[in-house]
PDB file of N, CA and C in Angstrom:
ATOM      1  N   UNK A   1      87.866 119.464 121.970  1.00  0.00           N
ATOM      2  CA  UNK A   1      86.281 119.106 121.370  1.00  0.00           C
ATOM      3  C   UNK A   1      85.481 118.646 122.209  1.00  0.00           C
ATOM      4  N   UNK A   2      84.083 119.117 122.182  1.00  0.00           N
ATOM      5  CA  UNK A   2      83.263 118.860 122.936  1.00  0.00           C
ATOM      6  C   UNK A   2      82.791 117.377 122.975  1.00  0.00           C
ATOM      7  N   UNK A   3      82.142 117.125 124.163  1.00  0.00           N
ATOM      8  CA  UNK A   3      81.657 115.688 123.945  1.00  0.00           C
ATOM      9  C   UNK A   3      80.450 115.549 122.797  1.00  0.00           C
ATOM     10  N   UNK A   4      79.700 116.378 122.938  1.00  0.00           N
ATOM     11  CA  UNK A   4      78.268 116.257 121.697  1.00  0.00           C
ATOM     12  C   UNK A   4      78.956 116.161 120.273  1.00  0.00           C
ATOM     13  N   UNK A   5      80.114 117.055 120.168  1.00  0.00           N
ATOM     14  CA  UNK A   5      80.787 117.216 118.611  1.00  0.00           C
ATOM     15  C   UNK A   5      81.310 115.770 118.218  1.00  0.00           C
ATOM     16  N   UNK A   6      82.083 115.209 119.266  1.00  0.00           N
ATOM     17  CA  UNK A   6      82.808 113.918 119.392  1.00  0.00           C
ATOM     18  C   UNK A   6      81.785 112.832 119.207  1.00  0.00           C
ATOM     19  N   UNK A   7      80.601 112.874 119.709  1.00  0.00           N
ATOM     20  CA  UNK A   7      79.512 111.812 119.392  1.00  0.00           C
ATOM     21  C   UNK A   7      79.033 111.657 118.285  1.00  0.00           C
ATOM     22  N   UNK A   8      78.667 113.066 117.474  1.00  0.00           N
ATOM     23  CA  UNK A   8      78.058 113.075 116.317  1.00  0.00           C
ATOM     24  C   UNK A   8      78.923 112.594 115.337  1.00  0.00           C
ATOM     25  N   UNK A   9      80.626 112.822 115.480  1.00  0.00           N
ATOM     26  CA  UNK A   9      81.398 112.569 114.505  1.00  0.00           C
ATOM     27  C   UNK A   9      81.552 110.978 114.661  1.00  0.00           C
ATOM     28  N   UNK A  10      81.485 110.501 115.712  1.00  0.00           N
ATOM     29  CA  UNK A  10      81.474 108.850 115.857  1.00  0.00           C
ATOM     30  C   UNK A  10      80.097 108.566 115.128  1.00  0.00           C
ATOM     31  N   UNK A  11      79.024 108.909 115.529  1.00  0.00           N
ATOM     32  CA  UNK A  11      77.672 108.286 114.722  1.00  0.00           C
ATOM     33  C   UNK A  11      77.779 108.403 113.183  1.00  0.00           C
ATOM     34  N   UNK A  12      78.703 109.357 112.979  1.00  0.00           N
ATOM     35  CA  UNK A  12      78.501 109.901 111.429  1.00  0.00           C
ATOM     36  C   UNK A  12      79.555 108.689 110.828  1.00  0.00           C
ATOM     37  N   UNK A  13      80.612 108.595 111.521  1.00  0.00           N
ATOM     38  CA  UNK A  13      81.649 107.676 111.048  1.00  0.00           C
ATOM     39  C   UNK A  13      80.776 106.295 111.113  1.00  0.00           C
ATOM     40  N   UNK A  14      80.202 105.798 111.572  1.00  0.00           N
ATOM     41  CA  UNK A  14      79.325 104.393 112.396  1.00  0.00           C
ATOM     42  C   UNK A  14      78.580 104.511 110.985  1.00  0.00           C
ATOM     43  N   UNK A  15      77.929 105.690 110.476  1.00  0.00           N
ATOM     44  CA  UNK A  15      76.949 105.102 109.521  1.00  0.00           C
ATOM     45  C   UNK A  15      77.527 105.196 108.268  1.00  0.00           C
ATOM     46  N   UNK A  16      78.760 105.957 108.215  1.00  0.00           N
ATOM     47  CA  UNK A  16      79.375 105.865 106.811  1.00  0.00           C
ATOM     48  C   UNK A  16      80.046 104.186 106.851  1.00  0.00           C
ATOM     49  N   UNK A  17      80.245 103.750 107.565  1.00  0.00           N
ATOM     50  CA  UNK A  17      80.941 102.397 107.684  1.00  0.00           C
ATOM     51  C   UNK A  17      79.941 101.188 107.430  1.00  0.00           C
ATOM     52  N   UNK A  18      78.715 101.693 108.267  1.00  0.00           N
ATOM     53  CA  UNK A  18      77.725 100.669 107.776  1.00  0.00           C
ATOM     54  C   UNK A  18      76.965 101.061 106.221  1.00  0.00           C
ATOM     55  N   UNK A  19      76.912 102.252 105.881  1.00  0.00           N
ATOM     56  CA  UNK A  19      76.246 102.292 104.624  1.00  0.00           C
ATOM     57  C   UNK A  19      77.202 101.645 103.378  1.00  0.00           C
ATOM     58  N   UNK A  20      78.632 101.552 103.636  1.00  0.00           N
ATOM     59  CA  UNK A  20      79.556 101.410 102.425  1.00  0.00           C
ATOM     60  C   UNK A  20      79.288  99.469 102.281  1.00  0.00           C
ATOM     61  N   UNK A  21      78.691  99.050 103.650  1.00  0.00           N
ATOM     62  CA  UNK A  21      79.084  97.572 104.006  1.00  0.00           C
ATOM     63  C   UNK A  21      77.743  96.952 103.371  1.00  0.00           C
ATOM     64  N   UNK A  22      76.432  97.666 103.518  1.00  0.00           N
ATOM     65  CA  UNK A  22      75.011  97.518 103.005  1.00  0.00           C
ATOM     66  C   UNK A  22      74.927  96.667 101.836  1.00  0.00           C
ATOM     67  N   UNK A  23      75.678  97.221 100.625  1.00  0.00           N
ATOM     68  CA  UNK A  23      75.283  96.412  99.323  1.00  0.00           C
ATOM     69  C   UNK A  23      75.820  95.440  99.401  1.00  0.00           C
ATOM     70  N   UNK A  24      76.965  95.137 100.078  1.00  0.00           N
ATOM     71  CA  UNK A  24      77.469  93.711  99.818  1.00  0.00           C
ATOM     72  C   UNK A  24      76.724  92.633 100.821  1.00  0.00           C
ATOM     73  N   UNK A  25      75.997  93.026 101.843  1.00  0.00           N
ATOM     74  CA  UNK A  25      75.466  92.311 102.707  1.00  0.00           C
ATOM     75  C   UNK A  25      74.042  92.136 102.095  1.00  0.00           C
ATOM     76  N   UNK A  26      73.658  92.905 101.241  1.00  0.00           N
ATOM     77  CA  UNK A  26      72.400  92.366 100.269  1.00  0.00           C
ATOM     78  C   UNK A  26      72.696  91.565  99.258  1.00  0.00           C
ATOM     79  N   UNK A  27      73.746  91.481  98.747  1.00  0.00           N
ATOM     80  CA  UNK A  27      74.304  90.554  97.529  1.00  0.00           C
ATOM     81  C   UNK A  27      74.400  89.214  98.492  1.00  0.00           C
ATOM     82  N   UNK A  28      74.649  89.231  99.856  1.00  0.00           N
ATOM     83  CA  UNK A  28      74.957  87.725 100.087  1.00  0.00           C
ATOM     84  C   UNK A  28      73.458  87.442 100.798  1.00  0.00           C
ATOM     85  N   UNK A  29      72.922  87.941 101.383  1.00  0.00           N
ATOM     86  CA  UNK A  29      71.530  87.484 101.537  1.00  0.00           C
ATOM     87  C   UNK A  29      70.430  87.283 100.455  1.00  0.00           C
ATOM     88  N   UNK A  30      70.388  88.162  99.772  1.00  0.00           N
ATOM     89  CA  UNK A  30      69.502  87.702  98.443  1.00  0.00           C
ATOM     90  C   UNK A  30      70.211  86.805  97.322  1.00  0.00           C
ATOM     91  N   UNK A  31      70.928  86.226  97.721  1.00  0.00           N
ATOM     92  CA  UNK A  31      71.682  85.278  96.456  1.00  0.00           C
ATOM     93  C   UNK A  31      71.789  85.772  94.965  1.00  0.00           C
ATOM     94  N   UNK A  32      72.172  87.104  94.976  1.00  0.00           N
ATOM     95  CA  UNK A  32      71.992  87.732  93.962  1.00  0.00           C
ATOM     96  C   UNK A  32      73.506  87.493  93.087  1.00  0.00           C
ATOM     97  N   UNK A  33      73.494  87.539  91.678  1.00  0.00           N
ATOM     98  CA  UNK A  33      74.617  87.251  91.247  1.00  0.00           C
ATOM     99  C   UNK A  33      75.215  88.349  90.791  1.00  0.00           C
ATOM    100  N   UNK A  34      76.386  88.423  90.903  1.00  0.00           N
ATOM    101  CA  UNK A  34      77.063  89.753  90.395  1.00  0.00           C
ATOM    102  C   UNK A  34      77.571  89.540  88.410  1.00  0.00           C
ATOM    103  N   UNK A  35      77.348  90.564  87.878  1.00  0.00           N
ATOM    104  CA  UNK A  35      77.865  90.396  86.362  1.00  0.00           C
ATOM    105  C   UNK A  35      79.164  89.822  86.623  1.00  0.00           C
ATOM    106  N   UNK A  36      79.778  89.174  85.355  1.00  0.00           N
ATOM    107  CA  UNK A  36      80.896  88.338  85.363  1.00  0.00           C
ATOM    108  C   UNK A  36      82.365  89.385  85.379  1.00  0.00           C
ATOM    109  N   UNK A  37      81.992  90.268  84.806  1.00  0.00           N
ATOM    110  CA  UNK A  37      82.952  91.513  84.743  1.00  0.00           C
ATOM    111  C   UNK A  37      83.237  91.979  86.311  1.00  0.00           C
ATOM    112  N   UNK A  38      82.116  92.242  86.944  1.00  0.00           N
ATOM    113  CA  UNK A  38      82.446  92.529  88.394  1.00  0.00           C
ATOM    114  C   UNK A  38      82.872  91.536  89.124  1.00  0.00           C
ATOM    115  N   UNK A  39      82.610  90.421  89.021  1.00  0.00           N
ATOM    116  CA  UNK A  39      83.133  89.142  90.162  1.00  0.00           C
ATOM    117  C   UNK A  39      84.440  89.021  89.548  1.00  0.00           C
ATOM    118  N   UNK A  40      84.898  89.341  88.265  1.00  0.00           N
ATOM    119  CA  UNK A  40      86.401  89.110  88.231  1.00  0.00           C
ATOM    120  C   UNK A  40      87.323  90.605  88.775  1.00  0.00           C
ATOM    121  N   UNK A  41      86.792  91.497  88.612  1.00  0.00           N
ATOM    122  CA  UNK A  41      87.228  92.733  88.789  1.00  0.00           C
ATOM    123  C   UNK A  41      87.666  92.531  90.788  1.00  0.00           C
ATOM    124  N   UNK A  42      86.387  92.084  91.351  1.00  0.00           N
ATOM    125  CA  UNK A  42      86.198  91.805  93.025  1.00  0.00           C
ATOM    126  C   UNK A  42      87.485  90.524  92.871  1.00  0.00           C
ATOM    127  N   UNK A  43      87.435  89.619  92.284  1.00  0.00           N
ATOM    128  CA  UNK A  43      88.621  88.700  92.616  1.00  0.00           C
ATOM    129  C   UNK A  43      90.053  89.420  92.685  1.00  0.00           C
ATOM    130  N   UNK A  44      90.331  90.463  91.989  1.00  0.00           N
ATOM    131  CA  UNK A  44      91.595  91.104  91.877  1.00  0.00           C
ATOM    132  C   UNK A  44      91.916  91.579  92.935  1.00  0.00           C
ATOM    133  N   UNK A  45      90.686  92.091  93.912  1.00  0.00           N
ATOM    134  CA  UNK A  45      91.427  93.146  94.846  1.00  0.00           C
ATOM    135  C   UNK A  45      92.294  92.455  95.913  1.00  0.00           C
ATOM    136  N   UNK A  46      92.498  91.219  96.264  1.00  0.00           N
ATOM    137  CA  UNK A  46      93.465  90.975  96.969  1.00  0.00           C
ATOM    138  C   UNK A  46      94.744  90.961  96.062  1.00  0.00           C
ATOM    139  N   UNK A  47      95.075  90.799  94.940  1.00  0.00           N
ATOM    140  CA  UNK A  47      96.486  91.061  94.763  1.00  0.00           C
ATOM    141  C   UNK A  47      96.736  92.214  94.469  1.00  0.00           C
ATOM    142  N   UNK A  48      95.585  93.484  94.153  1.00  0.00           N
ATOM    143  CA  UNK A  48      96.212  94.718  94.127  1.00  0.00           C
ATOM    144  C   UNK A  48      96.610  95.218  95.656  1.00  0.00           C
ATOM    145  N   UNK A  49      95.621  94.854  96.472  1.00  0.00           N
ATOM    146  CA  UNK A  49      95.936  95.196  97.511  1.00  0.00           C
ATOM    147  C   UNK A  49      97.604  95.071  97.895  1.00  0.00           C
ATOM    148  N   UNK A  50      97.739  93.590  97.785  1.00  0.00           N
ATOM    149  CA  UNK A  50      99.167  93.384  98.219  1.00  0.00           C
ATOM    150  C   UNK A  50     100.169  93.927  97.266  1.00  0.00           C
ATOM    151  N   UNK A  51      99.860  94.510  96.112  1.00  0.00           N
ATOM    152  CA  UNK A  51     100.905  94.992  95.573  1.00  0.00           C
ATOM    153  C   UNK A  51     101.007  96.581  95.968  1.00  0.00           C
ATOM    154  N   UNK A  52     100.154  97.065  96.260  1.00  0.00           N
ATOM    155  CA  UNK A  52      99.826  98.378  96.948  1.00  0.00           C
ATOM    156  C   UNK A  52     100.751  98.255  98.226  1.00  0.00           C
ATOM    157  N   UNK A  53     100.873  97.251  98.978  1.00  0.00           N
ATOM    158  CA  UNK A  53     101.556  97.223 100.227  1.00  0.00           C
ATOM    159  C   UNK A  53     103.113  96.818 100.018  1.00  0.00           C
ATOM    160  N   UNK A  54     103.323  96.090  98.946  1.00  0.00           N
ATOM    161  CA  UNK A  54     105.018  95.981  98.787  1.00  0.00           C
ATOM    162  C   UNK A  54     105.373  96.479  97.715  1.00  0.00           C
ATOM    163  N   UNK A  55     105.204  97.262  96.870  1.00  0.00           N
ATOM    164  CA  UNK A  55     105.762  97.772  95.919  1.00  0.00           C
ATOM    165  C   UNK A  55     106.576  99.353  96.686  1.00  0.00           C
ATOM    166  N   UNK A  56     105.634 100.047  97.568  1.00  0.00           N
ATOM    167  CA  UNK A  56     106.449 100.996  98.162  1.00  0.00           C
ATOM    168  C   UNK A  56     107.745 100.566  98.491  1.00  0.00           C
ATOM    169  N   UNK A  57     107.268  99.420  98.948  1.00  0.00           N
ATOM    170  CA  UNK A  57     108.737  98.806 100.148  1.00  0.00           C
ATOM    171  C   UNK A  57     109.886  98.884  99.194  1.00  0.00           C
ATOM    172  N   UNK A  58     109.560  98.116  98.037  1.00  0.00           N
ATOM    173  CA  UNK A  58     110.322  97.474  97.303  1.00  0.00           C
ATOM    174  C   UNK A  58     111.173  98.763  96.563  1.00  0.00           C
ATOM    175  N   UNK A  59     110.428  99.869  95.797  1.00  0.00           N
ATOM    176  CA  UNK A  59     110.856 100.942  95.051  1.00  0.00           C
ATOM    177  C   UNK A  59     111.263 102.219  95.935  1.00  0.00           C
ATOM    178  N   UNK A  60     110.847 102.109  97.013  1.00  0.00           N
ATOM    179  CA  UNK A  60     111.005 103.215  98.225  1.00  0.00           C
ATOM    180  C   UNK A  60     111.323 102.709  99.431  1.00  0.00           C
ATOM    181  N   UNK A  61     112.633 101.862  99.455  1.00  0.00           N
ATOM    182  CA  UNK A  61     113.273 101.798 100.892  1.00  0.00           C
ATOM    183  C   UNK A  61     113.634 102.951 101.576  1.00  0.00           C
ATOM    184  N   UNK A  62     113.373 103.021 102.555  1.00  0.00           N
ATOM    185  CA  UNK A  62     113.712 104.501 103.698  1.00  0.00           C
ATOM    186  C   UNK A  62     112.999 105.617 103.372  1.00  0.00           C
ATOM    187  N   UNK A  63     111.854 105.329 102.220  1.00  0.00           N
ATOM    188  CA  UNK A  63     111.017 106.656 102.103  1.00  0.00           C
ATOM    189  C   UNK A  63     111.394 107.425 100.661  1.00  0.00           C
ATOM    190  N   UNK A  64     112.624 107.027 100.026  1.00  0.00           N
ATOM    191  CA  UNK A  64     112.832 107.819  98.874  1.00  0.00           C
ATOM    192  C   UNK A  64     112.886 106.930  98.027  1.00  0.00           C
ATOM    193  N   UNK A  65     112.655 107.080  96.584  1.00  0.00           N
ATOM    194  CA  UNK A  65     112.790 106.151  95.382  1.00  0.00           C
ATOM    195  C   UNK A  65     114.288 105.683  95.076  1.00  0.00           C
ATOM    196  N   UNK A  66     114.374 104.627  94.929  1.00  0.00           N
ATOM    197  CA  UNK A  66     115.977 103.872  94.867  1.00  0.00           C
ATOM    198  C   UNK A  66     115.676 102.914  93.833  1.00  0.00           C
ATOM    199  N   UNK A  67     116.030 103.391  92.841  1.00  0.00           N
ATOM    200  CA  UNK A  67     116.114 102.344  91.654  1.00  0.00           C
ATOM    201  C   UNK A  67     117.361 102.032  91.027  1.00  0.00           C
ATOM    202  N   UNK A  68     118.463 102.344  91.745  1.00  0.00           N
ATOM    203  CA  UNK A  68     119.506 101.877  91.473  1.00  0.00           C
ATOM    204  C   UNK A  68     120.433 100.632  91.860  1.00  0.00           C
ATOM    205  N   UNK A  69     121.154 100.184  91.163  1.00  0.00           N
ATOM    206  CA  UNK A  69     121.168  98.456  91.403  1.00  0.00           C
ATOM    207  C   UNK A  69     122.129  98.277  92.625  1.00  0.00           C
ATOM    208  N   UNK A  70     122.217  99.234  94.091  1.00  0.00           N
ATOM    209  CA  UNK A  70     122.070  99.219  95.082  1.00  0.00           C
ATOM    210  C   UNK A  70     121.376  98.692  96.005  1.00  0.00           C
ATOM    211  N   UNK A  71     120.001  99.058  95.649  1.00  0.00           N
ATOM    212  CA  UNK A  71     118.766  98.437  96.033  1.00  0.00           C
ATOM    213  C   UNK A  71     118.427  96.900  96.047  1.00  0.00           C
ATOM    214  N   UNK A  72     118.885  96.385  97.358  1.00  0.00           N
ATOM    215  CA  UNK A  72     118.665  94.768  97.140  1.00  0.00           C
ATOM    216  C   UNK A  72     117.413  94.307  96.998  1.00  0.00           C
ATOM    217  N   UNK A  73     116.588  95.274  97.483  1.00  0.00           N
ATOM    218  CA  UNK A  73     114.892  94.754  97.565  1.00  0.00           C
ATOM    219  C   UNK A  73     114.528  94.570  95.886  1.00  0.00           C
ATOM    220  N   UNK A  74     115.172  95.280  94.842  1.00  0.00           N
ATOM    221  CA  UNK A  74     114.963  95.071  93.292  1.00  0.00           C
ATOM    222  C   UNK A  74     115.225  93.454  92.805  1.00  0.00           C
ATOM    223  N   UNK A  75     116.131  93.232  93.831  1.00  0.00           N
ATOM    224  CA  UNK A  75     116.623  91.422  93.219  1.00  0.00           C
ATOM    225  C   UNK A  75     115.718  90.828  93.464  1.00  0.00           C
ATOM    226  N   UNK A  76     115.265  90.993  95.167  1.00  0.00           N
ATOM    227  CA  UNK A  76     114.679  90.171  95.725  1.00  0.00           C
ATOM    228  C   UNK A  76     113.626  89.994  95.394  1.00  0.00           C
ATOM    229  N   UNK A  77     112.735  91.224  94.578  1.00  0.00           N
ATOM    230  CA  UNK A  77     111.428  91.109  93.794  1.00  0.00           C
ATOM    231  C   UNK A  77     111.519  90.355  92.394  1.00  0.00           C
ATOM    232  N   UNK A  78     112.572  90.972  91.987  1.00  0.00           N
ATOM    233  CA  UNK A  78     112.877  89.890  90.671  1.00  0.00           C
ATOM    234  C   UNK A  78     112.576  88.490  90.853  1.00  0.00           C
ATOM    235  N   UNK A  79     113.649  88.093  92.117  1.00  0.00           N
ATOM    236  CA  UNK A  79     113.518  86.490  92.449  1.00  0.00           C
ATOM    237  C   UNK A  79     112.376  86.224  92.698  1.00  0.00           C
ATOM    238  N   UNK A  80     111.320  86.779  93.067  1.00  0.00           N
ATOM    239  CA  UNK A  80     110.223  86.415  93.362  1.00  0.00           C
ATOM    240  C   UNK A  80     109.176  86.379  92.181  1.00  0.00           C
ATOM    241  N   UNK A  81     109.093  87.331  91.611  1.00  0.00           N
ATOM    242  CA  UNK A  81     108.431  87.300  90.291  1.00  0.00           C
ATOM    243  C   UNK A  81     108.892  86.117  89.734  1.00  0.00           C
ATOM    244  N   UNK A  82     110.383  85.674  89.497  1.00  0.00           N
ATOM    245  CA  UNK A  82     110.346  84.590  88.743  1.00  0.00           C
ATOM    246  C   UNK A  82     110.254  83.178  89.089  1.00  0.00           C
ATOM    247  N   UNK A  83     110.249  83.417  90.839  1.00  0.00           N
ATOM    248  CA  UNK A  83     109.846  82.256  91.371  1.00  0.00           C
ATOM    249  C   UNK A  83     107.831  81.976  91.174  1.00  0.00           C
ATOM    250  N   UNK A  84     107.414  83.128  91.072  1.00  0.00           N
ATOM    251  CA  UNK A  84     105.972  82.919  90.973  1.00  0.00           C
ATOM    252  C   UNK A  84     105.428  82.465  89.441  1.00  0.00           C
ATOM    253  N   UNK A  85     106.338  83.039  88.420  1.00  0.00           N
ATOM    254  CA  UNK A  85     106.041  82.488  87.294  1.00  0.00           C
ATOM    255  C   UNK A  85     106.257  80.659  87.070  1.00  0.00           C
ATOM    256  N   UNK A  86     107.430  80.690  87.386  1.00  0.00           N
ATOM    257  CA  UNK A  86     108.090  79.162  87.135  1.00  0.00           C
ATOM    258  C   UNK A  86     107.601  77.969  88.310  1.00  0.00           C
ATOM    259  N   UNK A  87     107.466  78.242  89.707  1.00  0.00           N
ATOM    260  CA  UNK A  87     106.663  77.310  90.371  1.00  0.00           C
ATOM    261  C   UNK A  87     105.439  76.961  90.449  1.00  0.00           C
ATOM    262  N   UNK A  88     104.552  78.262  89.921  1.00  0.00           N
ATOM    263  CA  UNK A  88     103.008  78.302  90.079  1.00  0.00           C
ATOM    264  C   UNK A  88     102.702  77.487  91.424  1.00  0.00           C
ATOM    265  N   UNK A  89     103.307  77.947  92.289  1.00  0.00           N
ATOM    266  CA  UNK A  89     102.907  77.516  93.780  1.00  0.00           C
ATOM    267  C   UNK A  89     102.083  78.560  94.259  1.00  0.00           C
ATOM    268  N   UNK A  90     101.703  78.346  95.775  1.00  0.00           N
ATOM    269  CA  UNK A  90     101.175  78.914  96.433  1.00  0.00           C
ATOM    270  C   UNK A  90     101.649  80.453  96.535  1.00  0.00           C
ATOM    271  N   UNK A  91     101.083  81.242  97.125  1.00  0.00           N
ATOM    272  CA  UNK A  91     101.459  82.854  97.277  1.00  0.00           C
ATOM    273  C   UNK A  91     102.410  82.718  98.466  1.00  0.00           C
ATOM    274  N   UNK A  92     102.041  81.755  99.415  1.00  0.00           N
ATOM    275  CA  UNK A  92     102.977  81.727 100.621  1.00  0.00           C
ATOM    276  C   UNK A  92     104.390  81.328 100.192  1.00  0.00           C
ATOM    277  N   UNK A  93     104.440  80.344  99.334  1.00  0.00           N
ATOM    278  CA  UNK A  93     105.950  80.022  98.636  1.00  0.00           C
ATOM    279  C   UNK A  93     106.813  80.989  98.121  1.00  0.00           C
ATOM    280  N   UNK A  94     105.846  81.506  97.376  1.00  0.00           N
ATOM    281  CA  UNK A  94     106.294  82.817  96.624  1.00  0.00           C
ATOM    282  C   UNK A  94     107.083  83.778  97.632  1.00  0.00           C
ATOM    283  N   UNK A  95     105.918  84.267  98.743  1.00  0.00           N
ATOM    284  CA  UNK A  95     106.467  85.145  99.614  1.00  0.00           C
ATOM    285  C   UNK A  95     107.786  84.823 100.447  1.00  0.00           C
ATOM    286  N   UNK A  96     107.661  83.750 100.906  1.00  0.00           N
ATOM    287  CA  UNK A  96     108.938  83.058 101.434  1.00  0.00           C
ATOM    288  C   UNK A  96     110.217  83.043 100.264  1.00  0.00           C
ATOM    289  N   UNK A  97     109.845  83.051  99.227  1.00  0.00           N
ATOM    290  CA  UNK A  97     111.179  83.196  98.186  1.00  0.00           C
ATOM    291  C   UNK A  97     111.704  84.322  98.440  1.00  0.00           C
ATOM    292  N   UNK A  98     110.608  85.428  98.249  1.00  0.00           N
ATOM    293  CA  UNK A  98     110.825  87.020  98.167  1.00  0.00           C
ATOM    294  C   UNK A  98     111.796  87.327  99.546  1.00  0.00           C
ATOM    295  N   UNK A  99     111.253  86.942 100.689  1.00  0.00           N
ATOM    296  CA  UNK A  99     111.839  87.019 102.145  1.00  0.00           C
ATOM    297  C   UNK A  99     113.100  86.573 102.118  1.00  0.00           C
ATOM    298  N   UNK A 100     113.251  85.420 101.937  1.00  0.00           N
ATOM    299  CA  UNK A 100     114.273  84.401 101.943  1.00  0.00           C
ATOM    300  C   UNK A 100     115.496  85.384 101.185  1.00  0.00           C
ATOM    301  N   UNK A 101     115.094  85.823  99.894  1.00  0.00           N
ATOM    302  CA  UNK A 101     116.199  86.554  98.771  1.00  0.00           C
ATOM    303  C   UNK A 101     116.785  87.472  99.451  1.00  0.00           C
ATOM    304  N   UNK A 102     115.771  88.640  99.988  1.00  0.00           N
ATOM    305  CA  UNK A 102     116.115  89.581 100.498  1.00  0.00           C
ATOM    306  C   UNK A 102     117.069  89.286 101.837  1.00  0.00           C
ATOM    307  N   UNK A 103     116.590  88.654 102.663  1.00  0.00           N
ATOM    308  CA  UNK A 103     117.483  88.409 103.796  1.00  0.00           C
ATOM    309  C   UNK A 103     119.136  87.576 103.184  1.00  0.00           C
ATOM    310  N   UNK A 104     119.054  86.791 102.435  1.00  0.00           N
ATOM    311  CA  UNK A 104     120.074  86.358 102.033  1.00  0.00           C
ATOM    312  C   UNK A 104     120.962  87.442 101.487  1.00  0.00           C
ATOM    313  N   UNK A 105     120.380  88.121 100.341  1.00  0.00           N
ATOM    314  CA  UNK A 105     121.440  89.658 100.031  1.00  0.00           C
ATOM    315  C   UNK A 105     121.458  90.440 100.900  1.00  0.00           C
ATOM    316  N   UNK A 106     121.189  90.401 101.952  1.00  0.00           N
ATOM    317  CA  UNK A 106     121.486  91.521 103.082  1.00  0.00           C
ATOM    318  C   UNK A 106     122.836  91.280 103.771  1.00  0.00           C
ATOM    319  N   UNK A 107     122.814  89.604 104.026  1.00  0.00           N
ATOM    320  CA  UNK A 107     123.457  89.060 104.956  1.00  0.00           C
ATOM    321  C   UNK A 107     124.706  89.056 103.818  1.00  0.00           C
ATOM    322  N   UNK A 108     124.800  88.499 102.799  1.00  0.00           N
ATOM    323  CA  UNK A 108     125.896  88.386 101.578  1.00  0.00           C
ATOM    324  C   UNK A 108     126.450  89.746 101.323  1.00  0.00           C
ATOM    325  N   UNK A 109     125.822  90.751 101.167  1.00  0.00           N
ATOM    326  CA  UNK A 109     126.176  92.077 100.810  1.00  0.00           C
ATOM    327  C   UNK A 109     126.172  93.051 101.907  1.00  0.00           C
TER     328      UNK A 109
END
């Protein structure tokens, strides 16, 4: 790739990155209130991102879908969901329960 082409690509990527962040910057600096529905949707993004990271690892360990009883991650995920519902603790405690359950299951079985 030529240097000029690379520089054009870098400048284009920088512009696109800046333009996607500009609306949020305007909301922050102008003290603009988002509609309640949009605010609720934005509050759920961290949960959705976490689920997008975790679910493939639970449902597809090793890169292939495994919904059999031999998949120990399913049991750890179930224990994590139960802990999240019953304890109503912080996310860190819930994650610890899931990781500890997965580690114990791998040691025992």
